[in-house]
């Protein structure tokens, strides 16, 4: 095996991983809104350092932006939790089916052993 085969196989692995990442990594409007809120928090903090807004206005603005970003985070976490729980339910049913199948096979083996005696 020469080096060109190794390079081709490594290139194929990298391309496959990139394709998988492109399929799974999708930026949503919620992600963009979250980062905009984070940027607004930083912008208000910097603006406050310059001295333009009053303390109350800066505090209210930062609090609103933090609450908005927290809501977006919780929304993302709950949607991820829903996907995970659906996946666990699917696996639970698959394991149940496998268990039934194994019991049937074991019963068949026991019946064959009994017949041979």
PDB file of N, CA and C in Angstrom:
ATOM      1  N   UNK A   1       0.855  -1.179   0.000  1.00  0.00           N
ATOM      2  CA  UNK A   1       0.000   0.000   0.000  1.00  0.00           C
ATOM      3  C   UNK A   1       0.894   1.234   0.000  1.00  0.00           C
ATOM      4  N   UNK A   2       0.748   2.064  -1.003  1.00  0.00           N
ATOM      5  CA  UNK A   2       1.580   3.251  -1.067  1.00  0.00           C
ATOM      6  C   UNK A   2       0.892   4.437  -0.401  1.00  0.00           C
ATOM      7  N   UNK A   3       1.596   5.566  -0.385  1.00  0.00           N
ATOM      8  CA  UNK A   3       1.087   6.739   0.326  1.00  0.00           C
ATOM      9  C   UNK A   3      -0.151   7.329  -0.322  1.00  0.00           C
ATOM     10  N   UNK A   4      -0.294   7.180  -1.643  1.00  0.00           N
ATOM     11  CA  UNK A   4      -1.474   7.754  -2.298  1.00  0.00           C
ATOM     12  C   UNK A   4      -2.755   7.069  -1.832  1.00  0.00           C
ATOM     13  N   UNK A   5      -2.677   5.753  -1.569  1.00  0.00           N
ATOM     14  CA  UNK A   5      -3.860   5.048  -1.045  1.00  0.00           C
ATOM     15  C   UNK A   5      -4.219   5.559   0.342  1.00  0.00           C
ATOM     16  N   UNK A   6      -3.211   5.779   1.180  1.00  0.00           N
ATOM     17  CA  UNK A   6      -3.455   6.314   2.524  1.00  0.00           C
ATOM     18  C   UNK A   6      -4.067   7.703   2.459  1.00  0.00           C
ATOM     19  N   UNK A   7      -3.536   8.527   1.575  1.00  0.00           N
ATOM     20  CA  UNK A   7      -4.047   9.891   1.453  1.00  0.00           C
ATOM     21  C   UNK A   7      -5.481   9.881   0.951  1.00  0.00           C
ATOM     22  N   UNK A   8      -5.769   9.000  -0.011  1.00  0.00           N
ATOM     23  CA  UNK A   8      -7.139   8.910  -0.527  1.00  0.00           C
ATOM     24  C   UNK A   8      -8.111   8.427   0.541  1.00  0.00           C
ATOM     25  N   UNK A   9      -7.699   7.455   1.335  1.00  0.00           N
ATOM     26  CA  UNK A   9      -8.599   6.960   2.378  1.00  0.00           C
ATOM     27  C   UNK A   9      -8.817   8.027   3.451  1.00  0.00           C
ATOM     28  N   UNK A  10      -7.774   8.762   3.804  1.00  0.00           N
ATOM     29  CA  UNK A  10      -7.924   9.835   4.793  1.00  0.00           C
ATOM     30  C   UNK A  10      -8.826  10.928   4.236  1.00  0.00           C
ATOM     31  N   UNK A  11      -8.663  11.261   2.949  1.00  0.00           N
ATOM     32  CA  UNK A  11      -9.503  12.278   2.321  1.00  0.00           C
ATOM     33  C   UNK A  11     -10.964  11.824   2.318  1.00  0.00           C
ATOM     34  N   UNK A  12     -11.205  10.557   2.027  1.00  0.00           N
ATOM     35  CA  UNK A  12     -12.581  10.047   2.029  1.00  0.00           C
ATOM     36  C   UNK A  12     -13.197  10.108   3.416  1.00  0.00           C
ATOM     37  N   UNK A  13     -12.414   9.785   4.436  1.00  0.00           N
ATOM     38  CA  UNK A  13     -12.922   9.857   5.812  1.00  0.00           C
ATOM     39  C   UNK A  13     -13.276  11.295   6.165  1.00  0.00           C
ATOM     40  N   UNK A  14     -12.406  12.241   5.808  1.00  0.00           N
ATOM     41  CA  UNK A  14     -12.667  13.652   6.106  1.00  0.00           C
ATOM     42  C   UNK A  14     -13.893  14.161   5.360  1.00  0.00           C
ATOM     43  N   UNK A  15     -14.040  13.762   4.111  1.00  0.00           N
ATOM     44  CA  UNK A  15     -15.207  14.190   3.340  1.00  0.00           C
ATOM     45  C   UNK A  15     -16.481  13.630   3.947  1.00  0.00           C
ATOM     46  N   UNK A  16     -16.450  12.353   4.342  1.00  0.00           N
ATOM     47  CA  UNK A  16     -17.644  11.746   4.961  1.00  0.00           C
ATOM     48  C   UNK A  16     -18.003  12.437   6.260  1.00  0.00           C
ATOM     49  N   UNK A  17     -17.007  12.765   7.084  1.00  0.00           N
ATOM     50  CA  UNK A  17     -17.285  13.460   8.340  1.00  0.00           C
ATOM     51  C   UNK A  17     -17.849  14.850   8.074  1.00  0.00           C
ATOM     52  N   UNK A  18     -17.318  15.532   7.057  1.00  0.00           N
ATOM     53  CA  UNK A  18     -17.812  16.869   6.719  1.00  0.00           C
ATOM     54  C   UNK A  18     -19.256  16.811   6.249  1.00  0.00           C
ATOM     55  N   UNK A  19     -19.578  15.804   5.445  1.00  0.00           N
ATOM     56  CA  UNK A  19     -20.956  15.653   4.966  1.00  0.00           C
ATOM     57  C   UNK A  19     -21.888  15.398   6.143  1.00  0.00           C
ATOM     58  N   UNK A  20     -21.478  14.547   7.083  1.00  0.00           N
ATOM     59  CA  UNK A  20     -22.308  14.275   8.258  1.00  0.00           C
ATOM     60  C   UNK A  20     -22.505  15.533   9.086  1.00  0.00           C
ATOM     61  N   UNK A  21     -21.441  16.330   9.252  1.00  0.00           N
ATOM     62  CA  UNK A  21     -21.548  17.552  10.037  1.00  0.00           C
ATOM     63  C   UNK A  21     -22.452  18.560   9.352  1.00  0.00           C
ATOM     64  N   UNK A  22     -22.389  18.629   8.020  1.00  0.00           N
ATOM     65  CA  UNK A  22     -23.253  19.560   7.304  1.00  0.00           C
ATOM     66  C   UNK A  22     -24.710  19.177   7.452  1.00  0.00           C
ATOM     67  N   UNK A  23     -24.985  17.886   7.520  1.00  0.00           N
ATOM     68  CA  UNK A  23     -26.365  17.438   7.660  1.00  0.00           C
ATOM     69  C   UNK A  23     -26.910  17.734   9.055  1.00  0.00           C
ATOM     70  N   UNK A  24     -26.051  17.642  10.063  1.00  0.00           N
ATOM     71  CA  UNK A  24     -26.528  17.801  11.434  1.00  0.00           C
ATOM     72  C   UNK A  24     -26.456  19.238  11.931  1.00  0.00           C
ATOM     73  N   UNK A  25     -25.516  20.033  11.440  1.00  0.00           N
ATOM     74  CA  UNK A  25     -25.329  21.389  11.947  1.00  0.00           C
ATOM     75  C   UNK A  25     -26.169  22.362  11.122  1.00  0.00           C
ATOM     76  N   UNK A  26     -27.290  22.759  11.687  1.00  0.00           N
ATOM     77  CA  UNK A  26     -28.151  23.726  11.032  1.00  0.00           C
ATOM     78  C   UNK A  26     -28.358  24.899  11.977  1.00  0.00           C
ATOM     79  N   UNK A  27     -28.144  26.087  11.477  1.00  0.00           N
ATOM     80  CA  UNK A  27     -28.338  27.281  12.280  1.00  0.00           C
ATOM     81  C   UNK A  27     -29.799  27.706  12.144  1.00  0.00           C
ATOM     82  N   UNK A  28     -30.452  27.879  13.276  1.00  0.00           N
ATOM     83  CA  UNK A  28     -31.856  28.265  13.272  1.00  0.00           C
ATOM     84  C   UNK A  28     -31.995  29.739  13.647  1.00  0.00           C
ATOM     85  N   UNK A  29     -33.199  30.237  13.490  1.00  0.00           N
ATOM     86  CA  UNK A  29     -33.475  31.630  13.859  1.00  0.00           C
ATOM     87  C   UNK A  29     -33.276  31.834  15.362  1.00  0.00           C
ATOM     88  N   UNK A  30     -33.585  30.812  16.154  1.00  0.00           N
ATOM     89  CA  UNK A  30     -33.379  30.910  17.605  1.00  0.00           C
ATOM     90  C   UNK A  30     -31.912  31.079  17.965  1.00  0.00           C
ATOM     91  N   UNK A  31     -31.026  30.385  17.231  1.00  0.00           N
ATOM     92  CA  UNK A  31     -29.588  30.532  17.478  1.00  0.00           C
ATOM     93  C   UNK A  31     -29.123  31.952  17.169  1.00  0.00           C
ATOM     94  N   UNK A  32     -29.601  32.467  16.058  1.00  0.00           N
ATOM     95  CA  UNK A  32     -29.220  33.827  15.672  1.00  0.00           C
ATOM     96  C   UNK A  32     -29.747  34.838  16.691  1.00  0.00           C
ATOM     97  N   UNK A  33     -31.002  34.658  17.117  1.00  0.00           N
ATOM     98  CA  UNK A  33     -31.588  35.569  18.109  1.00  0.00           C
ATOM     99  C   UNK A  33     -30.817  35.507  19.428  1.00  0.00           C
ATOM    100  N   UNK A  34     -30.397  34.308  19.836  1.00  0.00           N
ATOM    101  CA  UNK A  34     -29.634  34.154  21.072  1.00  0.00           C
ATOM    102  C   UNK A  34     -28.332  34.964  20.995  1.00  0.00           C
ATOM    103  N   UNK A  35     -27.594  34.831  19.905  1.00  0.00           N
ATOM    104  CA  UNK A  35     -26.322  35.540  19.786  1.00  0.00           C
ATOM    105  C   UNK A  35     -26.525  37.038  19.640  1.00  0.00           C
ATOM    106  N   UNK A  36     -27.617  37.438  19.026  1.00  0.00           N
ATOM    107  CA  UNK A  36     -27.915  38.871  18.956  1.00  0.00           C
ATOM    108  C   UNK A  36     -28.178  39.425  20.358  1.00  0.00           C
ATOM    109  N   UNK A  37     -28.923  38.668  21.174  1.00  0.00           N
ATOM    110  CA  UNK A  37     -29.186  39.112  22.551  1.00  0.00           C
ATOM    111  C   UNK A  37     -27.894  39.192  23.365  1.00  0.00           C
ATOM    112  N   UNK A  38     -27.012  38.226  23.185  1.00  0.00           N
ATOM    113  CA  UNK A  38     -25.724  38.262  23.890  1.00  0.00           C
ATOM    114  C   UNK A  38     -24.917  39.486  23.440  1.00  0.00           C
ATOM    115  N   UNK A  39     -24.928  39.755  22.143  1.00  0.00           N
ATOM    116  CA  UNK A  39     -24.212  40.930  21.633  1.00  0.00           C
ATOM    117  C   UNK A  39     -24.819  42.215  22.184  1.00  0.00           C
ATOM    118  N   UNK A  40     -26.143  42.261  22.327  1.00  0.00           N
ATOM    119  CA  UNK A  40     -26.791  43.449  22.884  1.00  0.00           C
ATOM    120  C   UNK A  40     -26.425  43.644  24.358  1.00  0.00           C
ATOM    121  N   UNK A  41     -26.286  42.544  25.090  1.00  0.00           N
ATOM    122  CA  UNK A  41     -25.862  42.650  26.496  1.00  0.00           C
ATOM    123  C   UNK A  41     -24.476  43.281  26.570  1.00  0.00           C
ATOM    124  N   UNK A  42     -23.572  42.794  25.742  1.00  0.00           N
ATOM    125  CA  UNK A  42     -22.213  43.343  25.730  1.00  0.00           C
ATOM    126  C   UNK A  42     -22.234  44.803  25.269  1.00  0.00           C
ATOM    127  N   UNK A  43     -23.053  45.106  24.260  1.00  0.00           N
ATOM    128  CA  UNK A  43     -23.124  46.469  23.753  1.00  0.00           C
ATOM    129  C   UNK A  43     -23.628  47.440  24.818  1.00  0.00           C
ATOM    130  N   UNK A  44     -24.655  47.033  25.574  1.00  0.00           N
ATOM    131  CA  UNK A  44     -25.173  47.905  26.635  1.00  0.00           C
ATOM    132  C   UNK A  44     -24.124  48.086  27.730  1.00  0.00           C
ATOM    133  N   UNK A  45     -23.384  47.018  28.046  1.00  0.00           N
ATOM    134  CA  UNK A  45     -22.342  47.132  29.076  1.00  0.00           C
ATOM    135  C   UNK A  45     -21.251  48.100  28.630  1.00  0.00           C
ATOM    136  N   UNK A  46     -20.859  47.984  27.364  1.00  0.00           N
ATOM    137  CA  UNK A  46     -19.837  48.908  26.849  1.00  0.00           C
ATOM    138  C   UNK A  46     -20.381  50.330  26.798  1.00  0.00           C
ATOM    139  N   UNK A  47     -21.630  50.455  26.374  1.00  0.00           N
ATOM    140  CA  UNK A  47     -22.270  51.773  26.312  1.00  0.00           C
ATOM    141  C   UNK A  47     -22.325  52.401  27.703  1.00  0.00           C
ATOM    142  N   UNK A  48     -22.602  51.565  28.704  1.00  0.00           N
ATOM    143  CA  UNK A  48     -22.653  52.059  30.085  1.00  0.00           C
ATOM    144  C   UNK A  48     -21.269  52.502  30.549  1.00  0.00           C
ATOM    145  N   UNK A  49     -20.224  51.806  30.106  1.00  0.00           N
ATOM    146  CA  UNK A  49     -18.869  52.216  30.470  1.00  0.00           C
ATOM    147  C   UNK A  49     -18.531  53.590  29.892  1.00  0.00           C
ATOM    148  N   UNK A  50     -19.053  53.883  28.719  1.00  0.00           N
ATOM    149  CA  UNK A  50     -18.830  55.193  28.118  1.00  0.00           C
ATOM    150  C   UNK A  50     -19.594  56.258  28.900  1.00  0.00           C
ATOM    151  N   UNK A  51     -20.745  55.875  29.462  1.00  0.00           N
ATOM    152  CA  UNK A  51     -21.469  56.788  30.322  1.00  0.00           C
ATOM    153  C   UNK A  51     -22.748  57.341  29.750  1.00  0.00           C
ATOM    154  N   UNK A  52     -23.236  56.791  28.646  1.00  0.00           N
ATOM    155  CA  UNK A  52     -24.441  57.361  28.040  1.00  0.00           C
ATOM    156  C   UNK A  52     -25.734  57.040  28.793  1.00  0.00           C
ATOM    157  N   UNK A  53     -26.110  55.779  29.018  1.00  0.00           N
ATOM    158  CA  UNK A  53     -27.430  55.542  29.625  1.00  0.00           C
ATOM    159  C   UNK A  53     -27.397  55.720  31.142  1.00  0.00           C
ATOM    160  N   UNK A  54     -28.567  55.897  31.698  1.00  0.00           N
ATOM    161  CA  UNK A  54     -28.654  55.962  33.161  1.00  0.00           C
ATOM    162  C   UNK A  54     -28.516  54.545  33.706  1.00  0.00           C
ATOM    163  N   UNK A  55     -28.286  54.473  35.015  1.00  0.00           N
ATOM    164  CA  UNK A  55     -28.134  53.155  35.638  1.00  0.00           C
ATOM    165  C   UNK A  55     -29.398  52.314  35.485  1.00  0.00           C
ATOM    166  N   UNK A  56     -30.538  52.934  35.683  1.00  0.00           N
ATOM    167  CA  UNK A  56     -31.805  52.203  35.606  1.00  0.00           C
ATOM    168  C   UNK A  56     -32.061  51.688  34.195  1.00  0.00           C
ATOM    169  N   UNK A  57     -31.826  52.536  33.206  1.00  0.00           N
ATOM    170  CA  UNK A  57     -32.056  52.121  31.820  1.00  0.00           C
ATOM    171  C   UNK A  57     -31.119  50.985  31.425  1.00  0.00           C
ATOM    172  N   UNK A  58     -29.869  51.071  31.819  1.00  0.00           N
ATOM    173  CA  UNK A  58     -28.903  50.018  31.500  1.00  0.00           C
ATOM    174  C   UNK A  58     -29.280  48.714  32.186  1.00  0.00           C
ATOM    175  N   UNK A  59     -29.677  48.794  33.449  1.00  0.00           N
ATOM    176  CA  UNK A  59     -30.066  47.597  34.189  1.00  0.00           C
ATOM    177  C   UNK A  59     -31.296  46.938  33.581  1.00  0.00           C
ATOM    178  N   UNK A  60     -32.289  47.727  33.211  1.00  0.00           N
ATOM    179  CA  UNK A  60     -33.499  47.179  32.600  1.00  0.00           C
ATOM    180  C   UNK A  60     -33.174  46.534  31.251  1.00  0.00           C
ATOM    181  N   UNK A  61     -32.364  47.194  30.442  1.00  0.00           N
ATOM    182  CA  UNK A  61     -32.009  46.647  29.128  1.00  0.00           C
ATOM    183  C   UNK A  61     -31.249  45.329  29.266  1.00  0.00           C
ATOM    184  N   UNK A  62     -30.256  45.301  30.134  1.00  0.00           N
ATOM    185  CA  UNK A  62     -29.476  44.076  30.325  1.00  0.00           C
ATOM    186  C   UNK A  62     -30.363  42.961  30.874  1.00  0.00           C
ATOM    187  N   UNK A  63     -31.237  43.278  31.809  1.00  0.00           N
ATOM    188  CA  UNK A  63     -32.134  42.260  32.369  1.00  0.00           C
ATOM    189  C   UNK A  63     -33.058  41.688  31.294  1.00  0.00           C
ATOM    190  N   UNK A  64     -33.601  42.550  30.444  1.00  0.00           N
ATOM    191  CA  UNK A  64     -34.465  42.060  29.360  1.00  0.00           C
ATOM    192  C   UNK A  64     -33.700  41.163  28.395  1.00  0.00           C
ATOM    193  N   UNK A  65     -32.486  41.543  28.056  1.00  0.00           N
ATOM    194  CA  UNK A  65     -31.698  40.737  27.126  1.00  0.00           C
ATOM    195  C   UNK A  65     -31.306  39.396  27.750  1.00  0.00           C
ATOM    196  N   UNK A  66     -30.969  39.420  29.051  1.00  0.00           N
ATOM    197  CA  UNK A  66     -30.615  38.164  29.728  1.00  0.00           C
ATOM    198  C   UNK A  66     -31.827  37.244  29.799  1.00  0.00           C
ATOM    199  N   UNK A  67     -32.989  37.788  30.129  1.00  0.00           N
ATOM    200  CA  UNK A  67     -34.207  36.963  30.189  1.00  0.00           C
ATOM    201  C   UNK A  67     -34.521  36.376  28.818  1.00  0.00           C
ATOM    202  N   UNK A  68     -34.376  37.181  27.773  1.00  0.00           N
ATOM    203  CA  UNK A  68     -34.631  36.681  26.422  1.00  0.00           C
ATOM    204  C   UNK A  68     -33.686  35.562  26.040  1.00  0.00           C
ATOM    205  N   UNK A  69     -32.402  35.723  26.358  1.00  0.00           N
ATOM    206  CA  UNK A  69     -31.439  34.668  26.025  1.00  0.00           C
ATOM    207  C   UNK A  69     -31.689  33.412  26.851  1.00  0.00           C
ATOM    208  N   UNK A  70     -32.087  33.574  28.112  1.00  0.00           N
ATOM    209  CA  UNK A  70     -32.405  32.409  28.944  1.00  0.00           C
ATOM    210  C   UNK A  70     -33.609  31.648  28.390  1.00  0.00           C
ATOM    211  N   UNK A  71     -34.623  32.383  27.950  1.00  0.00           N
ATOM    212  CA  UNK A  71     -35.809  31.732  27.375  1.00  0.00           C
ATOM    213  C   UNK A  71     -35.415  30.927  26.144  1.00  0.00           C
ATOM    214  N   UNK A  72     -34.563  31.497  25.296  1.00  0.00           N
ATOM    215  CA  UNK A  72     -34.115  30.770  24.110  1.00  0.00           C
ATOM    216  C   UNK A  72     -33.303  29.533  24.484  1.00  0.00           C
ATOM    217  N   UNK A  73     -32.463  29.650  25.510  1.00  0.00           N
ATOM    218  CA  UNK A  73     -31.690  28.486  25.962  1.00  0.00           C
ATOM    219  C   UNK A  73     -32.602  27.381  26.487  1.00  0.00           C
ATOM    220  N   UNK A  74     -33.573  27.739  27.319  1.00  0.00           N
ATOM    221  CA  UNK A  74     -34.481  26.741  27.870  1.00  0.00           C
ATOM    222  C   UNK A  74     -35.310  26.086  26.765  1.00  0.00           C
ATOM    223  N   UNK A  75     -35.720  26.888  25.791  1.00  0.00           N
ATOM    224  CA  UNK A  75     -36.479  26.335  24.663  1.00  0.00           C
ATOM    225  C   UNK A  75     -35.642  25.293  23.920  1.00  0.00           C
ATOM    226  N   UNK A  76     -34.370  25.602  23.668  1.00  0.00           N
ATOM    227  CA  UNK A  76     -33.484  24.661  22.984  1.00  0.00           C
ATOM    228  C   UNK A  76     -33.269  23.405  23.814  1.00  0.00           C
ATOM    229  N   UNK A  77     -33.097  23.573  25.128  1.00  0.00           N
ATOM    230  CA  UNK A  77     -32.885  22.411  25.993  1.00  0.00           C
ATOM    231  C   UNK A  77     -34.113  21.513  26.045  1.00  0.00           C
ATOM    232  N   UNK A  78     -35.300  22.105  26.118  1.00  0.00           N
ATOM    233  CA  UNK A  78     -36.510  21.288  26.177  1.00  0.00           C
ATOM    234  C   UNK A  78     -36.763  20.563  24.861  1.00  0.00           C
ATOM    235  N   UNK A  79     -36.465  21.202  23.729  1.00  0.00           N
ATOM    236  CA  UNK A  79     -36.648  20.512  22.456  1.00  0.00           C
ATOM    237  C   UNK A  79     -35.646  19.370  22.324  1.00  0.00           C
ATOM    238  N   UNK A  80     -34.411  19.571  22.828  1.00  0.00           N
ATOM    239  CA  UNK A  80     -33.426  18.506  22.805  1.00  0.00           C
ATOM    240  C   UNK A  80     -33.865  17.364  23.721  1.00  0.00           C
ATOM    241  N   UNK A  81     -34.421  17.698  24.876  1.00  0.00           N
ATOM    242  CA  UNK A  81     -34.899  16.687  25.805  1.00  0.00           C
ATOM    243  C   UNK A  81     -36.018  15.860  25.187  1.00  0.00           C
ATOM    244  N   UNK A  82     -36.895  16.513  24.446  1.00  0.00           N
ATOM    245  CA  UNK A  82     -37.987  15.796  23.802  1.00  0.00           C
ATOM    246  C   UNK A  82     -37.436  14.796  22.785  1.00  0.00           C
ATOM    247  N   UNK A  83     -36.426  15.201  22.019  1.00  0.00           N
ATOM    248  CA  UNK A  83     -35.828  14.313  21.028  1.00  0.00           C
ATOM    249  C   UNK A  83     -35.164  13.119  21.705  1.00  0.00           C
ATOM    250  N   UNK A  84     -34.476  13.381  22.807  1.00  0.00           N
ATOM    251  CA  UNK A  84     -33.786  12.308  23.520  1.00  0.00           C
ATOM    252  C   UNK A  84     -34.793  11.329  24.109  1.00  0.00           C
ATOM    253  N   UNK A  85     -35.874  11.842  24.694  1.00  0.00           N
ATOM    254  CA  UNK A  85     -36.861  10.940  25.285  1.00  0.00           C
ATOM    255  C   UNK A  85     -37.547  10.099  24.210  1.00  0.00           C
ATOM    256  N   UNK A  86     -37.785  10.681  23.032  1.00  0.00           N
ATOM    257  CA  UNK A  86     -38.354   9.893  21.929  1.00  0.00           C
ATOM    258  C   UNK A  86     -37.383   8.801  21.508  1.00  0.00           C
ATOM    259  N   UNK A  87     -36.092   9.126  21.488  1.00  0.00           N
ATOM    260  CA  UNK A  87     -35.077   8.128  21.145  1.00  0.00           C
ATOM    261  C   UNK A  87     -35.025   7.012  22.165  1.00  0.00           C
ATOM    262  N   UNK A  88     -35.142   7.346  23.454  1.00  0.00           N
ATOM    263  CA  UNK A  88     -35.137   6.318  24.485  1.00  0.00           C
ATOM    264  C   UNK A  88     -36.374   5.429  24.386  1.00  0.00           C
ATOM    265  N   UNK A  89     -37.511   6.013  24.059  1.00  0.00           N
ATOM    266  CA  UNK A  89     -38.717   5.202  23.904  1.00  0.00           C
ATOM    267  C   UNK A  89     -38.564   4.232  22.742  1.00  0.00           C
ATOM    268  N   UNK A  90     -37.979   4.684  21.652  1.00  0.00           N
ATOM    269  CA  UNK A  90     -37.762   3.820  20.499  1.00  0.00           C
ATOM    270  C   UNK A  90     -36.834   2.668  20.871  1.00  0.00           C
ATOM    271  N   UNK A  91     -35.754   2.982  21.587  1.00  0.00           N
ATOM    272  CA  UNK A  91     -34.813   1.943  22.004  1.00  0.00           C
ATOM    273  C   UNK A  91     -35.486   0.989  22.975  1.00  0.00           C
ATOM    274  N   UNK A  92     -36.343   1.508  23.855  1.00  0.00           N
ATOM    275  CA  UNK A  92     -37.043   0.655  24.821  1.00  0.00           C
ATOM    276  C   UNK A  92     -37.892  -0.382  24.092  1.00  0.00           C
ATOM    277  N   UNK A  93     -38.623   0.047  23.056  1.00  0.00           N
ATOM    278  CA  UNK A  93     -39.449  -0.893  22.304  1.00  0.00           C
ATOM    279  C   UNK A  93     -38.592  -1.877  21.516  1.00  0.00           C
ATOM    280  N   UNK A  94     -37.473  -1.422  20.972  1.00  0.00           N
ATOM    281  CA  UNK A  94     -36.586  -2.328  20.253  1.00  0.00           C
ATOM    282  C   UNK A  94     -35.999  -3.374  21.185  1.00  0.00           C
ATOM    283  N   UNK A  95     -35.616  -2.968  22.390  1.00  0.00           N
ATOM    284  CA  UNK A  95     -35.078  -3.920  23.368  1.00  0.00           C
ATOM    285  C   UNK A  95     -36.167  -4.899  23.790  1.00  0.00           C
ATOM    286  N   UNK A  96     -37.387  -4.414  23.947  1.00  0.00           N
ATOM    287  CA  UNK A  96     -38.497  -5.296  24.302  1.00  0.00           C
ATOM    288  C   UNK A  96     -38.727  -6.337  23.208  1.00  0.00           C
ATOM    289  N   UNK A  97     -38.684  -5.903  21.953  1.00  0.00           N
ATOM    290  CA  UNK A  97     -38.853  -6.846  20.849  1.00  0.00           C
ATOM    291  C   UNK A  97     -37.719  -7.861  20.818  1.00  0.00           C
ATOM    292  N   UNK A  98     -36.495  -7.403  21.053  1.00  0.00           N
ATOM    293  CA  UNK A  98     -35.355  -8.318  21.071  1.00  0.00           C
ATOM    294  C   UNK A  98     -35.481  -9.332  22.206  1.00  0.00           C
ATOM    295  N   UNK A  99     -35.984  -8.875  23.348  1.00  0.00           N
ATOM    296  CA  UNK A  99     -36.161  -9.763  24.494  1.00  0.00           C
ATOM    297  C   UNK A  99     -37.190 -10.850  24.182  1.00  0.00           C
ATOM    298  N   UNK A 100     -38.309 -10.464  23.542  1.00  0.00           N
ATOM    299  CA  UNK A 100     -39.316 -11.448  23.153  1.00  0.00           C
ATOM    300  C   UNK A 100     -38.748 -12.459  22.175  1.00  0.00           C
ATOM    301  N   UNK A 101     -37.974 -11.964  21.220  1.00  0.00           N
ATOM    302  CA  UNK A 101     -37.364 -12.840  20.218  1.00  0.00           C
ATOM    303  C   UNK A 101     -36.389 -13.814  20.863  1.00  0.00           C
ATOM    304  N   UNK A 102     -35.593 -13.314  21.807  1.00  0.00           N
ATOM    305  CA  UNK A 102     -34.642 -14.186  22.507  1.00  0.00           C
ATOM    306  C   UNK A 102     -35.362 -15.245  23.326  1.00  0.00           C
ATOM    307  N   UNK A 103     -36.460 -14.856  23.996  1.00  0.00           N
ATOM    308  CA  UNK A 103     -37.222 -15.827  24.778  1.00  0.00           C
ATOM    309  C   UNK A 103     -37.798 -16.913  23.889  1.00  0.00           C
ATOM    310  N   UNK A 104     -38.292 -16.526  22.714  1.00  0.00           N
ATOM    311  CA  UNK A 104     -38.827 -17.518  21.788  1.00  0.00           C
ATOM    312  C   UNK A 104     -37.738 -18.479  21.331  1.00  0.00           C
ATOM    313  N   UNK A 105     -36.557 -17.958  21.030  1.00  0.00           N
ATOM    314  CA  UNK A 105     -35.456 -18.821  20.601  1.00  0.00           C
ATOM    315  C   UNK A 105     -35.005 -19.746  21.715  1.00  0.00           C
ATOM    316  N   UNK A 106     -34.935 -19.215  22.935  1.00  0.00           N
ATOM    317  CA  UNK A 106     -34.556 -20.069  24.070  1.00  0.00           C
ATOM    318  C   UNK A 106     -35.595 -21.159  24.318  1.00  0.00           C
ATOM    319  N   UNK A 107     -36.864 -20.828  24.178  1.00  0.00           N
ATOM    320  CA  UNK A 107     -37.911 -21.842  24.321  1.00  0.00           C
ATOM    321  C   UNK A 107     -37.781 -22.918  23.252  1.00  0.00           C
ATOM    322  N   UNK A 108     -37.470 -22.520  22.028  1.00  0.00           N
ATOM    323  CA  UNK A 108     -37.269 -23.493  20.952  1.00  0.00           C
ATOM    324  C   UNK A 108     -36.083 -24.405  21.248  1.00  0.00           C
ATOM    325  N   UNK A 109     -35.016 -23.821  21.773  1.00  0.00           N
ATOM    326  CA  UNK A 109     -33.841 -24.633  22.123  1.00  0.00           C
ATOM    327  C   UNK A 109     -34.176 -25.597  23.242  1.00  0.00           C
ATOM    328  N   UNK A 110     -34.904 -25.138  24.252  1.00  0.00           N
ATOM    329  CA  UNK A 110     -35.307 -26.019  25.351  1.00  0.00           C
ATOM    330  C   UNK A 110     -36.187 -27.158  24.846  1.00  0.00           C
ATOM    331  N   UNK A 111     -37.107 -26.864  23.939  1.00  0.00           N
ATOM    332  CA  UNK A 111     -37.963 -27.906  23.371  1.00  0.00           C
ATOM    333  C   UNK A 111     -37.142 -28.928  22.585  1.00  0.00           C
ATOM    334  N   UNK A 112     -36.147 -28.497  21.840  1.00  0.00           N
ATOM    335  CA  UNK A 112     -35.288 -29.418  21.112  1.00  0.00           C
ATOM    336  C   UNK A 112     -34.485 -30.307  22.046  1.00  0.00           C
ATOM    337  N   UNK A 113     -34.011 -29.712  23.144  1.00  0.00           N
ATOM    338  CA  UNK A 113     -33.249 -30.501  24.130  1.00  0.00           C
ATOM    339  C   UNK A 113     -34.161 -31.533  24.778  1.00  0.00           C
ATOM    340  N   UNK A 114     -35.371 -31.179  25.099  1.00  0.00           N
ATOM    341  CA  UNK A 114     -36.318 -32.116  25.719  1.00  0.00           C
ATOM    342  C   UNK A 114     -36.661 -33.263  24.770  1.00  0.00           C
ATOM    343  N   UNK A 115     -36.804 -32.973  23.498  1.00  0.00           N
ATOM    344  CA  UNK A 115     -37.139 -34.000  22.510  1.00  0.00           C
ATOM    345  C   UNK A 115     -36.016 -34.997  22.346  1.00  0.00           C
ATOM    346  N   UNK A 116     -34.778 -34.564  22.452  1.00  0.00           N
ATOM    347  CA  UNK A 116     -33.625 -35.453  22.282  1.00  0.00           C
ATOM    348  C   UNK A 116     -33.428 -36.374  23.478  1.00  0.00           C
ATOM    349  N   UNK A 117     -33.954 -36.013  24.609  1.00  0.00           N
ATOM    350  CA  UNK A 117     -33.781 -36.863  25.813  1.00  0.00           C
ATOM    351  C   UNK A 117     -34.738 -37.956  25.705  1.00  0.00           C
TER     352      UNK A 117
END
